[in-house]
Amino acid sequence: MTDSSPSQDAALVDHHGYCIHLSPSDPDWIALVSRPDRQPTLILAPERVTVLAMACEWIDRQLASDRSPQ
């Protein structure tokens, strides 16, 4: 996971090929998780570190379900 901006303001983070757009929104933080071939997902949390962790966990679950036999 790489953070393109160390500031506490809006940032773009890449996690396993997904883009996570982080931005503050009073009183919460918003993460918009996107991938070119997928519908974007919106995640809200009260803190930047929490919303980033939730976005990464969501991506990891998506990748695990893509790998599991159906």
C-alpha atoms as a PDB file:
ATOM      1  CA  MET A   1       0.000   0.000   0.000  1.00  0.00           C
ATOM      2  CA  THR A   2       1.432   3.342  -0.983  1.00  0.00           C
ATOM      3  CA  ASP A   3       0.156   6.756   0.013  1.00  0.00           C
ATOM      4  CA  SER A   4       0.826   9.391  -2.621  1.00  0.00           C
ATOM      5  CA  SER A   5       0.481  12.227  -0.102  1.00  0.00           C
ATOM      6  CA  PRO A   6       1.630  12.226   3.515  1.00  0.00           C
ATOM      7  CA  SER A   7      -0.713  15.104   4.399  1.00  0.00           C
ATOM      8  CA  GLN A   8      -3.853  14.688   6.452  1.00  0.00           C
ATOM      9  CA  ASP A   9      -5.960  16.154   3.622  1.00  0.00           C
ATOM     10  CA  ALA A  10      -7.335  14.369   0.567  1.00  0.00           C
ATOM     11  CA  ALA A  11      -5.131  11.558  -0.724  1.00  0.00           C
ATOM     12  CA  LEU A  12      -4.993   8.840  -3.343  1.00  0.00           C
ATOM     13  CA  VAL A  13      -3.863   5.403  -2.189  1.00  0.00           C
ATOM     14  CA  ASP A  14      -3.295   2.273  -4.279  1.00  0.00           C
ATOM     15  CA  HIS A  15      -4.038  -1.137  -2.722  1.00  0.00           C
ATOM     16  CA  HIS A  16      -3.752  -4.278  -4.893  1.00  0.00           C
ATOM     17  CA  GLY A  17      -4.774  -2.443  -8.059  1.00  0.00           C
ATOM     18  CA  TYR A  18      -7.710  -0.595  -6.472  1.00  0.00           C
ATOM     19  CA  CYS A  19      -7.638   3.187  -6.044  1.00  0.00           C
ATOM     20  CA  ILE A  20      -8.733   4.583  -2.700  1.00  0.00           C
ATOM     21  CA  HIS A  21      -9.620   8.277  -2.799  1.00  0.00           C
ATOM     22  CA  LEU A  22      -9.592   9.671   0.744  1.00  0.00           C
ATOM     23  CA  SER A  23     -11.149  12.997   1.630  1.00  0.00           C
ATOM     24  CA  PRO A  24     -12.360  14.688   4.803  1.00  0.00           C
ATOM     25  CA  SER A  25     -16.063  15.380   5.112  1.00  0.00           C
ATOM     26  CA  ASP A  26     -17.298  17.007   8.291  1.00  0.00           C
ATOM     27  CA  PRO A  27     -17.536  15.121  10.650  1.00  0.00           C
ATOM     28  CA  ASP A  28     -16.304  11.936   8.905  1.00  0.00           C
ATOM     29  CA  TRP A  29     -13.748  10.761   6.374  1.00  0.00           C
ATOM     30  CA  ILE A  30     -14.833   9.320   3.033  1.00  0.00           C
ATOM     31  CA  ALA A  31     -13.065   6.613   1.042  1.00  0.00           C
ATOM     32  CA  LEU A  32     -14.169   6.058  -2.532  1.00  0.00           C
ATOM     33  CA  VAL A  33     -12.797   2.692  -3.630  1.00  0.00           C
ATOM     34  CA  SER A  34     -12.620   2.173  -7.375  1.00  0.00           C
ATOM     35  CA  ARG A  35     -11.245  -0.129 -10.021  1.00  0.00           C
ATOM     36  CA  PRO A  36     -11.789   0.342 -13.763  1.00  0.00           C
ATOM     37  CA  ASP A  37     -13.896  -2.814 -14.161  1.00  0.00           C
ATOM     38  CA  ARG A  38     -15.932  -2.424 -10.942  1.00  0.00           C
ATOM     39  CA  GLN A  39     -18.668  -0.226  -9.498  1.00  0.00           C
ATOM     40  CA  PRO A  40     -17.142   2.284  -7.005  1.00  0.00           C
ATOM     41  CA  THR A  41     -17.776   1.739  -3.308  1.00  0.00           C
ATOM     42  CA  LEU A  42     -18.169   4.473  -0.692  1.00  0.00           C
ATOM     43  CA  ILE A  43     -16.958   3.927   2.879  1.00  0.00           C
ATOM     44  CA  LEU A  44     -17.391   6.346   5.814  1.00  0.00           C
ATOM     45  CA  ALA A  45     -15.565   6.432   9.144  1.00  0.00           C
ATOM     46  CA  PRO A  46     -14.830   9.053  11.817  1.00  0.00           C
ATOM     47  CA  GLU A  47     -11.026   8.975  11.328  1.00  0.00           C
ATOM     48  CA  ARG A  48      -8.701   8.856   8.315  1.00  0.00           C
ATOM     49  CA  VAL A  49      -6.767   5.827   9.560  1.00  0.00           C
ATOM     50  CA  THR A  50     -10.030   3.948  10.231  1.00  0.00           C
ATOM     51  CA  VAL A  51     -11.570   4.622   6.823  1.00  0.00           C
ATOM     52  CA  LEU A  52      -8.309   3.606   5.122  1.00  0.00           C
ATOM     53  CA  ALA A  53      -8.169   0.357   7.104  1.00  0.00           C
ATOM     54  CA  MET A  54     -11.833  -0.372   6.305  1.00  0.00           C
ATOM     55  CA  ALA A  55     -11.215   0.262   2.590  1.00  0.00           C
ATOM     56  CA  CYS A  56      -8.203  -2.062   2.554  1.00  0.00           C
ATOM     57  CA  GLU A  57     -10.172  -4.781   4.368  1.00  0.00           C
ATOM     58  CA  TRP A  58     -13.036  -4.408   1.863  1.00  0.00           C
ATOM     59  CA  ILE A  59     -10.594  -4.765  -1.050  1.00  0.00           C
ATOM     60  CA  ASP A  60      -8.984  -7.831   0.527  1.00  0.00           C
ATOM     61  CA  ARG A  61     -12.426  -9.458   0.927  1.00  0.00           C
ATOM     62  CA  GLN A  62     -13.258  -8.707  -2.729  1.00  0.00           C
ATOM     63  CA  LEU A  63     -10.002 -10.270  -3.889  1.00  0.00           C
ATOM     64  CA  ALA A  64     -10.557 -13.340  -1.686  1.00  0.00           C
ATOM     65  CA  SER A  65     -14.074 -13.865  -3.057  1.00  0.00           C
ATOM     66  CA  ASP A  66     -12.769 -13.473  -6.638  1.00  0.00           C
ATOM     67  CA  ARG A  67     -10.263 -16.293  -5.981  1.00  0.00           C
ATOM     68  CA  SER A  68     -12.712 -18.670  -4.296  1.00  0.00           C
ATOM     69  CA  PRO A  69     -14.410 -21.315  -6.452  1.00  0.00           C
ATOM     70  CA  GLN A  70     -18.041 -20.665  -7.179  1.00  0.00           C
END
